[in-house]
């Protein structure tokens, strides 16, 4: 992809630039090269340890690699360096939700919305709020927040990367809008075929929509890509029908 080629060229021309290494790491991760993304962003953190952006991108890659504890260290570093940045607060909230720290996650996501932010930050903030509310037993509020996340992701002119599409698909799934969830997950894996979380949830969405073959197809891909998630999906497909 052109983005990766541009980032690789920038890193070759300026190998000691933390910005260039971070751009490369983000570009590689977006297309699914998590190993390359980790290498580049760790180099960026080494070059500029007090720059929030390398910590932020490294934290995001780590959470996609199912390493939330390591991701939390990077997310907290990013927030320490730039405490009012909506993107870093969203990352912190997302990781905290994965670690079961939902009260703090809710506070961080709400702060992301209160602070000055770009429209692109809103979907993730509402998604993080919804997740925390759901885990805290606030079902009605959670559904409303998932709806707000979907509206934010569908704002006119938005360009969604695979992670945006994944989170939007999750929001649709939580609201039992299974066909819309399927579409979002399919768009995510079109850009990043080796995206195990999206593959797993696509299988769940297919199954919930009554498409057992579609779910089985995702299981077959996950057997190679992520055997642990494949086993979880197979348990769902082979378990009781429906949601």
Protein backbone atom coordinates (compact mmCIF):
# COMPACT_ATOMS: atom_id res chain seq x y z
CA UNK A 1 0.00 0.00 0.00
CA UNK A 2 1.10 3.54 -0.74
CA UNK A 3 0.91 4.61 2.93
CA UNK A 4 3.43 1.94 3.92
CA UNK A 5 5.74 2.78 1.01
CA UNK A 6 5.68 6.47 1.94
CA UNK A 7 6.37 5.69 5.60
CA UNK A 8 9.21 3.32 4.72
CA UNK A 9 10.80 5.97 2.55
CA UNK A 10 10.53 8.54 5.35
CA UNK A 11 12.14 6.14 7.82
CA UNK A 12 14.98 5.38 5.39
CA UNK A 13 15.65 9.07 4.84
CA UNK A 14 15.46 9.93 8.55
CA UNK A 15 16.19 6.79 10.60
CA UNK A 16 16.83 8.85 13.75
CA UNK A 17 13.46 10.60 13.51
CA UNK A 18 10.94 9.42 16.09
CA UNK A 19 8.14 10.89 13.97
CA UNK A 20 9.23 8.88 10.92
CA UNK A 21 9.54 5.67 12.93
CA UNK A 22 6.14 6.22 14.54
CA UNK A 23 4.54 6.86 11.16
CA UNK A 24 6.10 3.66 9.87
CA UNK A 25 4.92 1.68 12.88
CA UNK A 26 1.37 2.95 12.51
CA UNK A 27 1.31 2.26 8.77
CA UNK A 28 2.63 -1.26 9.17
CA UNK A 29 0.17 -2.07 11.96
CA UNK A 30 -2.77 -0.72 9.98
CA UNK A 31 -2.09 -3.24 7.23
CA UNK A 32 -1.45 -6.09 9.68
CA UNK A 33 2.34 -6.19 10.11
CA UNK A 34 2.30 -6.01 13.89
CA UNK A 35 5.86 -7.27 14.26
CA UNK A 36 7.19 -4.50 12.05
CA UNK A 37 4.94 -2.00 13.77
CA UNK A 38 6.25 -2.96 17.20
CA UNK A 39 9.85 -2.74 16.02
CA UNK A 40 9.41 0.75 14.55
CA UNK A 41 7.45 2.22 17.44
CA UNK A 42 9.79 0.80 20.06
CA UNK A 43 12.63 2.47 18.19
CA UNK A 44 10.63 5.71 18.20
CA UNK A 45 10.14 5.48 21.98
CA UNK A 46 13.88 4.90 22.39
CA UNK A 47 14.66 7.94 20.26
CA UNK A 48 12.19 10.27 22.01
CA UNK A 49 10.96 8.81 25.29
CA UNK A 50 9.17 12.05 26.21
CA UNK A 51 7.18 12.24 22.99
CA UNK A 52 3.61 11.07 23.64
CA UNK A 53 2.87 9.85 20.11
CA UNK A 54 5.28 6.87 19.94
CA UNK A 55 3.93 5.66 23.30
CA UNK A 56 0.38 6.01 22.00
CA UNK A 57 0.97 4.04 18.80
CA UNK A 58 3.05 1.40 20.60
CA UNK A 59 0.29 1.00 23.19
CA UNK A 60 -2.33 0.54 20.51
CA UNK A 61 -0.28 -2.13 18.72
CA UNK A 62 0.30 -3.94 22.02
CA UNK A 63 -3.40 -4.07 22.80
CA UNK A 64 -4.06 -5.50 19.34
CA UNK A 65 -1.40 -8.11 20.14
CA UNK A 66 -3.42 -9.12 23.23
CA UNK A 67 -0.91 -7.58 25.64
CA UNK A 68 -3.12 -5.16 27.58
CA UNK A 69 -0.85 -4.90 30.62
CA UNK A 70 2.07 -3.78 28.46
CA UNK A 71 -0.29 -1.52 26.52
CA UNK A 72 -1.42 0.10 29.76
CA UNK A 73 2.16 1.11 30.56
CA UNK A 74 2.43 2.88 27.21
CA UNK A 75 -1.03 4.44 27.46
CA UNK A 76 -0.27 5.87 30.90
CA UNK A 77 3.04 7.22 29.61
CA UNK A 78 1.25 8.95 26.72
CA UNK A 79 -1.33 10.49 29.08
CA UNK A 80 1.38 11.59 31.51
CA UNK A 81 3.21 13.41 28.72
CA UNK A 82 0.08 14.89 27.11
CA UNK A 83 -2.80 14.61 29.58
CA UNK A 84 -5.39 16.57 27.58
CA UNK A 85 -4.98 14.71 24.29
CA UNK A 86 -8.25 12.97 23.40
CA UNK A 87 -6.55 10.15 21.47
CA UNK A 88 -4.35 9.18 24.41
CA UNK A 89 -7.30 9.29 26.81
CA UNK A 90 -9.26 7.06 24.45
CA UNK A 91 -6.42 4.55 24.31
CA UNK A 92 -6.19 4.57 28.10
CA UNK A 93 -9.94 4.02 28.40
CA UNK A 94 -9.88 1.20 25.86
CA UNK A 95 -7.05 -0.64 27.64
CA UNK A 96 -8.59 -0.11 31.07
CA UNK A 97 -11.85 -1.64 29.85
CA UNK A 98 -9.93 -4.67 28.61
CA UNK A 99 -8.34 -5.02 32.04
CA UNK A 100 -11.68 -4.73 33.86
CA UNK A 101 -11.01 -1.28 35.33
CA UNK A 102 -14.28 0.14 34.10
CA UNK A 103 -14.76 3.08 36.47
CA UNK A 104 -11.42 4.63 35.49
CA UNK A 105 -12.07 3.77 31.85
CA UNK A 106 -15.35 5.66 31.96
CA UNK A 107 -13.67 8.72 33.47
CA UNK A 108 -10.92 8.71 30.82
CA UNK A 109 -13.37 8.36 27.92
CA UNK A 110 -15.62 11.11 29.27
CA UNK A 111 -12.56 13.36 29.60
CA UNK A 112 -11.70 12.64 25.96
CA UNK A 113 -15.09 14.00 24.94
CA UNK A 114 -14.89 17.01 27.25
CA UNK A 115 -11.46 18.06 26.06
CA UNK A 116 -10.78 19.64 22.71
CA UNK A 117 -10.89 16.82 20.19
CA UNK A 118 -11.19 15.99 16.53
CA UNK A 119 -14.42 14.50 15.13
CA UNK A 120 -12.44 11.30 14.52
CA UNK A 121 -12.03 10.88 18.30
CA UNK A 122 -15.76 10.81 19.05
CA UNK A 123 -16.64 7.31 17.90
CA UNK A 124 -13.93 5.72 20.01
CA UNK A 125 -14.84 7.81 23.07
CA UNK A 126 -18.52 6.86 22.88
CA UNK A 127 -17.56 3.23 22.30
CA UNK A 128 -15.34 3.23 25.39
CA UNK A 129 -18.08 4.89 27.43
CA UNK A 130 -20.59 2.30 26.23
CA UNK A 131 -18.29 -0.60 27.09
CA UNK A 132 -17.69 0.73 30.59
CA UNK A 133 -21.39 1.40 31.16
CA UNK A 134 -22.30 -2.09 29.98
CA UNK A 135 -19.79 -3.71 32.34
CA UNK A 136 -20.99 -1.50 35.19
CA UNK A 137 -24.56 -2.71 34.71
CA UNK A 138 -25.93 0.48 33.12
CA UNK A 139 -27.59 -1.24 30.18
CA UNK A 140 -29.85 1.54 28.88
CA UNK A 141 -27.07 4.13 29.00
CA UNK A 142 -24.74 1.68 27.32
CA UNK A 143 -27.09 1.11 24.40
CA UNK A 144 -27.47 4.85 23.91
CA UNK A 145 -23.68 5.27 23.94
CA UNK A 146 -23.17 2.47 21.41
CA UNK A 147 -25.69 4.27 19.21
CA UNK A 148 -23.74 7.51 19.61
CA UNK A 149 -20.55 5.69 18.61
CA UNK A 150 -22.18 4.38 15.44
CA UNK A 151 -23.46 7.85 14.51
CA UNK A 152 -19.99 9.30 15.07
CA UNK A 153 -18.33 6.66 12.90
CA UNK A 154 -20.90 7.30 10.17
CA UNK A 155 -20.34 11.05 10.04
CA UNK A 156 -20.17 12.30 6.44
CA UNK A 157 -16.64 12.55 5.14
CA UNK A 158 -15.15 10.14 7.69
CA UNK A 159 -12.49 7.75 6.42
CA UNK A 160 -12.45 4.69 8.67
CA UNK A 161 -9.37 2.55 9.18
CA UNK A 162 -9.65 -1.16 10.08
CA UNK A 163 -9.71 -0.44 13.82
CA UNK A 164 -12.50 2.13 13.42
CA UNK A 165 -14.48 -0.40 11.39
CA UNK A 166 -13.83 -3.08 14.00
CA UNK A 167 -15.11 -0.92 16.83
CA UNK A 168 -18.12 0.18 14.79
CA UNK A 169 -18.85 -3.48 14.05
CA UNK A 170 -18.65 -4.26 17.75
CA UNK A 171 -21.14 -1.48 18.49
CA UNK A 172 -23.55 -2.87 15.91
CA UNK A 173 -23.08 -6.33 17.39
CA UNK A 174 -23.87 -5.11 20.89
CA UNK A 175 -27.07 -3.51 19.55
CA UNK A 176 -27.99 -6.78 17.78
CA UNK A 177 -27.73 -5.16 14.36
CA UNK A 178 -26.00 -8.21 12.97
CA UNK A 179 -26.05 -7.49 9.19
CA UNK A 180 -24.50 -4.07 9.77
CA UNK A 181 -21.90 -5.65 12.04
CA UNK A 182 -21.04 -8.20 9.35
CA UNK A 183 -20.52 -5.44 6.80
CA UNK A 184 -18.24 -3.44 9.12
CA UNK A 185 -16.08 -6.44 10.01
CA UNK A 186 -15.82 -7.45 6.36
CA UNK A 187 -14.61 -3.96 5.46
CA UNK A 188 -12.01 -4.15 8.26
CA UNK A 189 -10.53 -7.44 7.10
CA UNK A 190 -10.54 -6.31 3.47
CA UNK A 191 -7.78 -3.88 4.47
CA UNK A 192 -6.22 -6.08 7.17
CA UNK A 193 -6.88 -9.75 6.36
CA UNK A 194 -4.88 -11.01 9.35
CA UNK A 195 -7.02 -9.22 11.96
CA UNK A 196 -7.95 -11.95 14.44
CA UNK A 197 -10.29 -9.89 16.61
CA UNK A 198 -12.29 -8.79 13.57
CA UNK A 199 -12.29 -12.32 12.14
CA UNK A 200 -13.60 -13.71 15.43
CA UNK A 201 -16.35 -11.12 15.77
CA UNK A 202 -17.28 -11.53 12.11
CA UNK A 203 -17.80 -15.21 12.84
CA UNK A 204 -19.96 -14.32 15.85
CA UNK A 205 -21.98 -11.84 13.78
CA UNK A 206 -22.49 -14.38 10.98
CA UNK A 207 -23.68 -16.95 13.51
CA UNK A 208 -26.01 -14.48 15.21
CA UNK A 209 -27.48 -13.62 11.80
CA UNK A 210 -28.09 -17.30 11.07
CA UNK A 211 -25.21 -17.73 8.61
CA UNK A 212 -23.50 -20.80 10.01
CA UNK A 213 -21.38 -21.29 6.88
CA UNK A 214 -20.01 -17.75 7.16
CA UNK A 215 -19.15 -18.40 10.80
CA UNK A 216 -17.45 -21.68 9.88
CA UNK A 217 -15.41 -19.92 7.18
CA UNK A 218 -14.05 -17.49 9.77
CA UNK A 219 -13.27 -20.40 12.09
CA UNK A 220 -11.25 -22.01 9.31
CA UNK A 221 -9.20 -18.83 8.83
CA UNK A 222 -8.69 -18.43 12.58
CA UNK A 223 -7.36 -21.98 12.91
CA UNK A 224 -4.26 -20.73 11.10
CA UNK A 225 -4.28 -17.17 12.37
CA UNK A 226 -5.20 -17.52 16.04
CA UNK A 227 -5.93 -21.05 17.31
CA UNK A 228 -7.13 -19.83 20.71
CA UNK A 229 -9.76 -17.58 19.16
CA UNK A 230 -10.65 -20.33 16.70
CA UNK A 231 -11.45 -22.62 19.63
CA UNK A 232 -13.64 -19.96 21.23
CA UNK A 233 -15.51 -19.40 17.98
CA UNK A 234 -15.99 -23.12 17.47
CA UNK A 235 -17.51 -23.33 20.95
CA UNK A 236 -20.04 -20.68 19.94
CA UNK A 237 -20.82 -22.27 16.58
CA UNK A 238 -21.16 -25.70 18.11
CA UNK A 239 -23.09 -24.49 21.14
CA UNK A 240 -26.67 -23.42 21.47
CA UNK A 241 -28.18 -21.64 18.48
CA UNK A 242 -28.78 -17.91 18.42
CA UNK A 243 -27.08 -15.24 20.47
